[in-house]
Protein backbone atom coordinates (compact mmCIF):
# COMPACT_ATOMS: atom_id res chain seq x y z
CA MET A 1 0.11 -0.01 0.22
CA ASP A 2 1.37 3.28 -1.14
CA SER A 3 2.11 6.44 1.14
CA LYS A 4 -1.67 8.10 -0.20
CA ALA A 5 -3.74 5.10 -0.16
CA LYS A 6 -2.60 4.47 3.52
CA ARG A 7 -2.81 8.13 4.51
CA ALA A 8 -6.23 7.90 2.76
CA LEU A 9 -7.23 4.76 5.17
CA GLN A 10 -5.92 6.87 8.14
CA LEU A 11 -8.20 9.81 7.05
CA PHE A 12 -11.22 7.42 6.85
CA LEU A 13 -10.51 6.04 10.11
CA THR A 14 -9.74 9.47 11.84
CA PHE A 15 -13.22 10.54 10.24
CA PHE A 16 -15.06 8.17 11.58
CA LYS A 17 -13.84 8.68 14.90
CA ILE A 18 -14.88 11.92 14.93
CA GLY A 19 -18.09 11.64 13.11
CA ALA A 20 -18.63 8.34 15.48
CA PHE A 21 -17.71 10.17 19.59
CA THR A 22 -19.08 13.92 18.69
CA PHE A 23 -23.02 15.03 18.84
CA GLY A 24 -24.20 18.11 18.63
CA GLY A 25 -23.03 18.70 14.47
CA GLY A 26 -20.35 20.19 12.44
CA TYR A 27 -19.57 22.94 15.08
CA ALA A 28 -18.85 20.43 17.74
CA MET A 29 -16.58 18.63 15.27
CA ILE A 30 -14.59 21.37 15.02
CA PRO A 31 -12.55 21.12 18.55
CA LEU A 32 -12.00 17.71 17.33
CA ILE A 33 -10.91 18.10 13.85
CA GLN A 34 -8.42 20.47 14.55
CA ARG A 35 -6.84 17.94 17.40
CA GLU A 36 -7.01 15.03 15.46
CA ILE A 37 -5.48 17.02 12.22
CA VAL A 38 -3.17 19.75 13.54
CA GLU A 39 -1.85 17.91 17.06
CA LYS A 40 -2.13 14.30 16.74
CA HIS A 41 -1.80 13.68 13.06
CA GLY A 42 0.45 16.77 11.80
CA TRP A 43 -1.14 16.74 8.68
CA MET A 44 -2.06 20.94 8.63
CA THR A 45 -0.91 23.83 10.81
CA ASP A 46 -3.40 25.77 12.55
CA GLU A 47 -3.49 28.79 9.93
CA ASP A 48 -4.69 25.51 7.35
CA ILE A 49 -7.27 24.18 9.34
CA LEU A 50 -8.46 27.75 10.22
CA ASP A 51 -8.68 28.75 6.21
CA ILE A 52 -10.21 25.14 5.55
CA PHE A 53 -12.92 25.96 8.34
CA ALA A 54 -14.02 29.58 7.27
CA ILE A 55 -14.26 28.32 3.24
CA ALA A 56 -16.44 24.87 4.77
CA GLU A 57 -18.48 27.26 6.49
CA SER A 58 -18.90 29.68 3.74
CA THR A 59 -19.71 26.66 1.27
CA PRO A 60 -23.02 24.95 1.08
CA GLY A 61 -23.20 22.08 3.19
CA PRO A 62 -22.69 21.19 6.89
CA ILE A 63 -19.59 21.98 8.09
CA ALA A 64 -18.17 18.79 9.38
CA ILE A 65 -18.51 17.06 6.14
CA ASN A 66 -17.11 20.12 4.48
CA ALA A 67 -14.09 20.15 6.26
CA ALA A 68 -13.32 16.69 5.46
CA THR A 69 -13.80 16.70 2.18
CA PHE A 70 -10.96 19.77 2.19
CA VAL A 71 -9.02 18.23 4.35
CA GLY A 72 -8.83 14.61 3.23
CA TYR A 73 -8.01 16.17 -0.09
CA ARG A 74 -5.47 18.56 0.66
CA THR A 75 -3.67 15.63 2.25
CA ALA A 76 -4.39 12.44 -0.02
CA GLY A 77 -6.18 13.58 -3.45
CA PHE A 78 -9.42 12.51 -4.36
CA TRP A 79 -9.12 9.18 -2.29
CA GLY A 80 -8.77 10.91 0.73
CA SER A 81 -11.28 13.26 -0.13
CA ALA A 82 -13.64 10.63 -0.50
CA LEU A 83 -12.79 8.49 2.41
CA ALA A 84 -12.91 11.48 4.63
CA THR A 85 -15.92 12.40 3.61
CA THR A 86 -17.47 8.40 3.78
CA GLY A 87 -15.95 8.55 7.79
CA VAL A 88 -17.43 11.35 9.02
CA VAL A 89 -20.87 10.75 7.26
CA LEU A 90 -21.02 6.70 7.80
CA PRO A 91 -21.87 6.44 11.72
CA SER A 92 -24.22 9.23 11.71
CA PHE A 93 -25.67 7.33 9.12
CA VAL A 94 -25.91 4.03 10.82
CA ILE A 95 -27.17 5.41 13.88
CA ILE A 96 -30.14 7.40 12.67
CA LEU A 97 -30.80 3.93 10.25
CA LEU A 98 -30.86 2.11 13.46
CA ILE A 99 -33.04 4.39 15.43
CA SER A 100 -35.68 5.10 12.89
CA PHE A 101 -36.25 1.01 12.20
CA LEU A 102 -35.76 -0.19 16.42
CA LEU A 103 -37.57 2.89 18.31
CA THR A 104 -41.09 4.47 17.79
CA GLY A 105 -41.45 7.67 19.63
CA PHE A 106 -37.75 7.36 20.66
CA ALA A 107 -37.76 11.21 21.74
CA GLU A 108 -40.61 11.06 23.83
CA ILE A 109 -38.68 8.64 26.27
CA PRO A 110 -38.53 10.84 29.29
CA ALA A 111 -34.88 9.32 30.16
CA VAL A 112 -33.93 10.32 26.53
CA GLN A 113 -35.21 13.67 26.65
CA TYR A 114 -33.29 14.38 29.64
CA ALA A 115 -29.97 12.55 28.23
CA PHE A 116 -30.66 15.30 25.36
CA PHE A 117 -30.69 17.92 27.59
CA GLY A 118 -26.98 16.92 29.21
CA ILE A 119 -26.44 16.80 25.52
CA ARG A 120 -27.07 19.99 24.38
CA ALA A 121 -25.49 21.38 27.45
CA GLY A 122 -21.65 19.85 26.58
CA VAL A 123 -22.67 20.82 22.59
CA MET A 124 -22.82 24.08 23.97
CA ALA A 125 -19.60 24.16 25.54
CA LEU A 126 -17.94 22.62 22.71
CA LEU A 127 -19.06 25.27 20.69
CA ILE A 128 -17.54 28.07 22.98
CA LYS A 129 -14.29 26.31 23.19
CA ALA A 130 -14.73 26.33 19.33
CA LEU A 131 -15.01 30.10 19.51
CA TRP A 132 -12.42 30.42 21.62
CA THR A 133 -9.76 28.19 20.05
CA MET A 134 -10.40 30.59 16.66
CA TYR A 135 -10.61 33.22 18.57
CA LYS A 136 -7.58 33.23 20.00
CA LYS A 137 -5.86 32.02 16.35
CA ASN A 138 -7.23 34.78 14.35
CA PRO A 139 -5.76 37.95 13.28
CA LYS A 140 -7.24 40.86 16.14
CA SER A 141 -8.29 44.22 14.38
CA TYR A 142 -10.68 46.93 14.54
CA ILE A 143 -12.23 46.35 11.31
CA GLY A 144 -12.37 42.25 12.05
CA TYR A 145 -14.67 43.26 15.53
CA GLY A 146 -16.28 45.46 13.50
CA ILE A 147 -17.27 42.73 10.70
CA MET A 148 -18.11 40.65 13.58
CA LEU A 149 -20.29 42.63 15.56
CA ALA A 150 -22.04 44.22 12.65
CA ALA A 151 -22.22 40.17 10.85
CA PHE A 152 -24.15 39.12 15.08
CA LEU A 153 -26.42 41.87 14.96
CA VAL A 154 -27.74 41.24 11.32
CA THR A 155 -27.97 37.63 11.61
CA ALA A 156 -29.58 37.79 15.29
CA PHE A 157 -31.96 40.96 14.66
CA MET A 158 -32.89 40.82 11.71
CA ASP A 159 -34.19 38.44 8.87
CA VAL A 160 -31.38 38.93 6.41
CA PRO A 161 -30.05 35.58 4.53
CA VAL A 162 -26.82 34.15 5.59
CA LEU A 163 -25.41 33.75 2.02
CA LEU A 164 -25.94 37.74 1.95
CA VAL A 165 -24.26 37.81 5.31
CA ILE A 166 -21.16 35.97 4.54
CA LEU A 167 -20.73 37.89 1.01
CA GLY A 168 -21.26 40.87 2.92
CA CYS A 169 -18.51 40.29 5.27
CA ALA A 170 -16.11 38.87 2.38
CA ALA A 171 -16.48 42.71 0.21
CA VAL A 172 -15.71 44.12 3.67
CA GLY A 173 -12.64 42.28 4.25
CA LEU A 174 -11.57 42.42 0.78
CA VAL A 175 -12.12 46.20 0.46
CA SER A 176 -10.39 46.42 4.01
CA SER A 177 -7.79 44.28 2.95
CA LEU A 178 -6.57 46.36 -0.80
CA LEU A 179 -6.66 49.29 1.43
CA VAL A 180 -4.05 48.25 3.55
CA TRP A 181 -2.37 47.17 0.86
CA ARG A 182 -2.42 50.75 -0.78
CA LYS A 183 -1.64 52.26 2.01
CA GLU A 184 1.67 50.07 2.52
CA GLY A 185 2.37 50.89 -1.02
CA LYS A 186 2.06 46.82 -1.89
CA GLY A 187 -0.70 47.42 -4.45
């Protein structure tokens, strides 16, 4: 087995583990993906993974699936992409399939309702941790803080489509970067 095929298989197993042991969806997987890809395997740097999360969030589809696809392609080409994506999706697919066959009225069972209450609290902690990690690694500027605040206010209190918010943030970031380049004499 060549090194690319070996890496593709490692990607499958890594993302299968992430998909199998993370509750709460794609955002809850962010710290686990970062830890596995950057810290444990060293396949990418923190800056690379931040870029991938930004792209994964900006493209259609769930962030964890998009991130798995991008990480897989970047580290092992097409097969890495296909196997990483399959690995992250397969556990949820199997679990949902089993639940749909085995349990009717699953959500009405009091013990399950209490369990999901606890799971939601844990997911919130994972989301806050992911936000904090990304905040620490991102470059800080008044323009960045302004874009973040404006995006939050527009999405939280107005009925503006998220796609327009993302495009607006990208446009403001692009214009501000061009202005800084011009001011520094680089453009």
